[in-house]
Structures are given as structure tokens and as C-alpha cells.
Amino acid sequence: AEVALVSSVFLDDPREYEMARAYYRRLESLALKNSLPYVAVHEYWADRIQNGGYVFRSLVQYDLIHPRVEGYRLMAEAVMSAL
């Protein structure tokens, strides 16, 4: 089976994002070390929010973390772009 390491969604809260960045860096490092693809979903989301007309709150549920249908679509786009 093919394996890819995938980051989580973009976090709009700067404090949460700072904590997650260490995780994302570690995940990317593991991907490089093991010759695995790494999909930076959080960066894909950030780009779509900044340049694609998406609004963060429309992509996530009330908890501001878990994606809605449109958020999952963006996750799938990010993964597909890496394949």
C-alpha cells in the first residue's frame, strides 16, 4: 500500500497554529527521512483562504477544528495534488 503523511487542517487561532507547526515540521521530517510523500493540507487551506475566496468558518464545524463537507473537499484536493 502507498503511504503518505498528511497534516491536519489549517488552524485559524494563532496560538493553536504555533503549537501545531512543531507537529507539522516533525511530520514533514519523518516523510523526508522515510522517502514518503508529505501533504501539507494546512498550507493548502491557508492558500485557499487567502487567495481563493474561502472563509475559514465556512470550512469547519462549530468547534473550529473539524471540517465540514467543503473542508473535506479541500483536503481531498490537497492530497490529489500530491499524487
C-alpha atoms as a PDB file:
ATOM      1  CA  ALA A   1       0.000   0.000   0.000  1.00  0.00           C
ATOM      2  CA  GLU A   2       1.138   3.531  -0.720  1.00  0.00           C
ATOM      3  CA  VAL A   3       1.713   5.689   2.347  1.00  0.00           C
ATOM      4  CA  ALA A   4       1.608   9.471   2.544  1.00  0.00           C
ATOM      5  CA  LEU A   5       1.882  11.632   5.637  1.00  0.00           C
ATOM      6  CA  VAL A   6      -0.789  14.307   5.768  1.00  0.00           C
ATOM      7  CA  SER A   7      -1.018  17.359   8.002  1.00  0.00           C
ATOM      8  CA  SER A   8      -4.283  18.389   9.562  1.00  0.00           C
ATOM      9  CA  VAL A   9      -6.386  21.357   8.550  1.00  0.00           C
ATOM     10  CA  PHE A  10      -5.378  24.990   8.917  1.00  0.00           C
ATOM     11  CA  LEU A  11      -5.983  26.353  12.423  1.00  0.00           C
ATOM     12  CA  ASP A  12      -7.233  29.922  12.456  1.00  0.00           C
ATOM     13  CA  ASP A  13      -6.203  30.621  16.066  1.00  0.00           C
ATOM     14  CA  PRO A  14      -2.537  31.800  16.050  1.00  0.00           C
ATOM     15  CA  ARG A  15      -1.795  30.118  19.398  1.00  0.00           C
ATOM     16  CA  GLU A  16      -3.105  26.752  18.232  1.00  0.00           C
ATOM     17  CA  TYR A  17      -1.334  27.143  14.908  1.00  0.00           C
ATOM     18  CA  GLU A  18       2.004  27.775  16.630  1.00  0.00           C
ATOM     19  CA  MET A  19       1.619  24.561  18.622  1.00  0.00           C
ATOM     20  CA  ALA A  20       0.642  22.614  15.503  1.00  0.00           C
ATOM     21  CA  ARG A  21       3.582  23.933  13.483  1.00  0.00           C
ATOM     22  CA  ALA A  22       6.033  21.848  15.525  1.00  0.00           C
ATOM     23  CA  TYR A  23       3.940  18.780  14.741  1.00  0.00           C
ATOM     24  CA  TYR A  24       3.806  19.673  11.041  1.00  0.00           C
ATOM     25  CA  ARG A  25       7.598  20.143  10.911  1.00  0.00           C
ATOM     26  CA  ARG A  26       8.142  16.781  12.592  1.00  0.00           C
ATOM     27  CA  LEU A  27       5.710  15.100  10.227  1.00  0.00           C
ATOM     28  CA  GLU A  28       7.490  16.570   7.205  1.00  0.00           C
ATOM     29  CA  SER A  29      10.848  15.490   8.619  1.00  0.00           C
ATOM     30  CA  LEU A  30       9.608  11.918   9.055  1.00  0.00           C
ATOM     31  CA  ALA A  31       8.325  11.926   5.487  1.00  0.00           C
ATOM     32  CA  LEU A  32      11.693  13.047   4.151  1.00  0.00           C
ATOM     33  CA  LYS A  33      13.606  10.580   6.321  1.00  0.00           C
ATOM     34  CA  ASN A  34      11.440   7.690   5.115  1.00  0.00           C
ATOM     35  CA  SER A  35      11.090   8.811   1.474  1.00  0.00           C
ATOM     36  CA  LEU A  36       7.345   9.274   1.832  1.00  0.00           C
ATOM     37  CA  PRO A  37       5.193  11.963   0.281  1.00  0.00           C
ATOM     38  CA  TYR A  38       4.077  14.720   2.629  1.00  0.00           C
ATOM     39  CA  VAL A  39       0.849  16.626   2.009  1.00  0.00           C
ATOM     40  CA  ALA A  40       0.677  19.987   3.782  1.00  0.00           C
ATOM     41  CA  VAL A  41      -3.101  20.247   3.968  1.00  0.00           C
ATOM     42  CA  HIS A  42      -2.847  23.188   6.370  1.00  0.00           C
ATOM     43  CA  GLU A  43      -0.857  25.173   3.795  1.00  0.00           C
ATOM     44  CA  TYR A  44      -3.313  24.275   1.030  1.00  0.00           C
ATOM     45  CA  TRP A  45      -6.186  25.525   3.187  1.00  0.00           C
ATOM     46  CA  ALA A  46      -4.314  28.711   4.107  1.00  0.00           C
ATOM     47  CA  ASP A  47      -3.691  29.440   0.431  1.00  0.00           C
ATOM     48  CA  ARG A  48      -7.340  28.880  -0.460  1.00  0.00           C
ATOM     49  CA  ILE A  49      -8.478  31.107   2.393  1.00  0.00           C
ATOM     50  CA  GLN A  50      -6.050  33.901   1.476  1.00  0.00           C
ATOM     51  CA  ASN A  51      -6.273  33.666  -2.320  1.00  0.00           C
ATOM     52  CA  GLY A  52      -9.250  31.524  -3.226  1.00  0.00           C
ATOM     53  CA  GLY A  53     -12.114  33.344  -1.604  1.00  0.00           C
ATOM     54  CA  TYR A  54     -12.840  30.723   1.048  1.00  0.00           C
ATOM     55  CA  VAL A  55     -13.847  31.753   4.566  1.00  0.00           C
ATOM     56  CA  PHE A  56     -12.323  29.660   7.350  1.00  0.00           C
ATOM     57  CA  ARG A  57     -15.537  29.360   9.352  1.00  0.00           C
ATOM     58  CA  SER A  58     -17.387  28.003   6.317  1.00  0.00           C
ATOM     59  CA  LEU A  59     -14.885  25.121   6.114  1.00  0.00           C
ATOM     60  CA  VAL A  60     -15.097  23.920   9.720  1.00  0.00           C
ATOM     61  CA  GLN A  61     -17.757  22.844  12.161  1.00  0.00           C
ATOM     62  CA  TYR A  62     -18.758  24.769  15.282  1.00  0.00           C
ATOM     63  CA  ASP A  63     -15.630  23.566  17.127  1.00  0.00           C
ATOM     64  CA  LEU A  64     -13.437  25.408  14.568  1.00  0.00           C
ATOM     65  CA  ILE A  65     -11.337  22.271  14.048  1.00  0.00           C
ATOM     66  CA  HIS A  66     -13.274  19.508  12.329  1.00  0.00           C
ATOM     67  CA  PRO A  67     -14.029  20.083   8.639  1.00  0.00           C
ATOM     68  CA  ARG A  68     -17.403  20.427   7.004  1.00  0.00           C
ATOM     69  CA  VAL A  69     -18.050  18.865   3.601  1.00  0.00           C
ATOM     70  CA  GLU A  70     -16.314  21.738   1.776  1.00  0.00           C
ATOM     71  CA  GLY A  71     -13.330  21.456   4.103  1.00  0.00           C
ATOM     72  CA  TYR A  72     -13.005  17.762   3.331  1.00  0.00           C
ATOM     73  CA  ARG A  73     -13.174  18.608  -0.347  1.00  0.00           C
ATOM     74  CA  LEU A  74     -10.193  20.913   0.071  1.00  0.00           C
ATOM     75  CA  MET A  75      -8.362  18.167   1.959  1.00  0.00           C
ATOM     76  CA  ALA A  76      -9.006  15.771  -0.924  1.00  0.00           C
ATOM     77  CA  GLU A  77      -7.773  18.374  -3.419  1.00  0.00           C
ATOM     78  CA  ALA A  78      -4.557  18.770  -1.445  1.00  0.00           C
ATOM     79  CA  VAL A  79      -3.964  15.017  -1.368  1.00  0.00           C
ATOM     80  CA  MET A  80      -4.789  14.637  -5.065  1.00  0.00           C
ATOM     81  CA  SER A  81      -2.362  17.406  -5.948  1.00  0.00           C
ATOM     82  CA  ALA A  82       0.411  15.364  -4.309  1.00  0.00           C
ATOM     83  CA  LEU A  83      -0.363  12.183  -6.236  1.00  0.00           C
END
